Amino acid sequence: MIKYMRLVGIFVLFILGFSSALAQNNPSSQYNKSFVIDTVSNLRNPAMGWVLYEEGASFLKKEKNYNPEVFWEEMDAVNTSAYANILYIRVPWKVMEPKEGKYAWEYNKEYQEYIRKAEEKDLKLAFRIFFDNGTPEWVYDAGASSTLEPPLSRKNDKLPYFDDSIFLSKLHNFVKAFAKEYDDPSRVDFVDAYGLGRWGEGHGVTLKDQSNYKMVIEKVTGFYARHFNKILTVYNLSKNDWHLSKPLVYDKLGFLPRRDGIGSHWFDDTEREYMDELFPQKPLIGEGTYWFGFSEKDTTYQTKKPFLDDPRFPNMKYWTDALSVALEDALANRSNTFDLRTPFETKVWLEELPDKVQKFITYGGYRLYPDSVSVNKNNRKLTIDHFWRNFGVGVLPNEHPNWDNKYKVSFALLQPESGKVIYNFVAPLANPGTWTKGSLYSYYNLNHKIPKTVKSGTYYLAVSIIDSTTGKVGIELSLKSNQLLNGWALIRKYTIE
């Protein structure tokens, strides 16, 4: 009996091995592949993830012992580049163009070194140019009016009148030059395409004539839309100008909403409803409320400062409470980005709240991956069913007009040894920019015939999300590394006769 059972076992193993060989080499076969998600790794994908923040202070040198060199020294001390994807540079126009036609990226060596270090750390750049006490003097010398003059005549703050024709003309010239340098998605993720008002946030916009408000929004956003054609353009979400920005900016120009004040009452219920209206076609580019000072070294919550007693999120005793509340608020509002921010605040995040940092890596933004793929193969003819998920709360902003749905699901044949792409083809119905958390996205009966120009041989059949403007893998998939080769998810070996 034992001998008989051994013979049966050997026979079964033989049949299984023979069947496997047939599935591998027979011209006709069916194969199903399931994938295992990676929820831990920091994915270096566009327009998502943790953000470092330069508020322009290091360039203005208003704070003692704080400059661009110190910024990177303190950021490097806690290894921020291992967690962050983006460096957001909110900087006054007068820093970027101190003299007309003399730009920081061409003439300011300190600025050039600052940017070089960011790119050396594999950080994408993002920008906001603002004008609140930041407009170059040469603009006023050319005849532009300021709030130190009538009708506002402010004694302390010098802001331009944004409906001044000279100001708008000089700004247009700057935006054109700015775009020539930075409209490059290999270096830059997004640009705040407005920057007016207090801190560039869109409120307190100074105008000679209030009836020009619509014209100014159209003009300034139009400058950016005209000259930035490749990177994402964003606009600060605010109930103050929603009646104008919704039709003129979000609908007509396709800009993404950006909102600061997350984790505070400043981001109110009305604006949260606006964001719900825009999502998922437009993800939120989010920024937390700023509680810290540049030189603040006390991690206890400063209740002596009345504005920190937030009515929406009361009973926050420590800085870590405020940051934790803001993180949960960002996730609840499906934010693609959130800020580690300035060096000291980043230090608090990484040393005192590492679990919270990991939580945003896991759930913030988008985490796209194939759930499974089914392949019916008949030599060069393929029929493919593929299924996808998004584990993150945000969304890939594929529908922004400057991206124009450039990220596409693509299947490829790879050389087994090198992973070199020999041939690839796009799955036309699958748009990763529409995938949101909690759903399975199913695509059936993708039929494709491998052309005879592809030589007979054995390849890996694989799938990924490519940038169709370059033909290369464009999105890191949220998969365990042993399932990937050069960014492609391996489905099976595939022999063509």
Foldseek 3Di string as FASTA:
>chain_A
DVVVVVVVVVVVVVVVVVVVVCQFPPLWHKAKDFFDFFLFAQWQAFLFFAEAEALQCQVVVPDPPRHLVVQVVLCVVLPVLRGGAAYEYEHEPCSQPVDQPDGCCVPPVSVVVSLVVCVVSNHAYEYEYAFWLRDHVVLVVVPFDWCCDPPNNDDPTTGTALPTPSVLVSVLVVLQVVLVPPLDVSRHAEYAQQHADDSRQPPHRHHPDPVCPLVSVLSRSVSNLVRNQAHAYEYEQDPVQCVRCVVRPCNPQVHAYEYEAQLACVCDPVSLVVLVVSPPLHAYAYEYDDDDDQPDDDFWDDVVPPVVCGPVDHDQTTNVSSVLSRLVSCQVSQHRYYYCYTSVSVVCCVPPPVVSSSVCSSAHHWAKDWRMKMWTGNQQKIWIKTKMAIRYAGFDNCVRSSNPLQKFKKKFWAAPPQRDTPDMDTDPPDRRRPHHHPDMDIDGTPIDGDDPVRDFDKTWIWMAICRNVVRAHNTQHRGDPVQDDNRTGTRGIHTHD
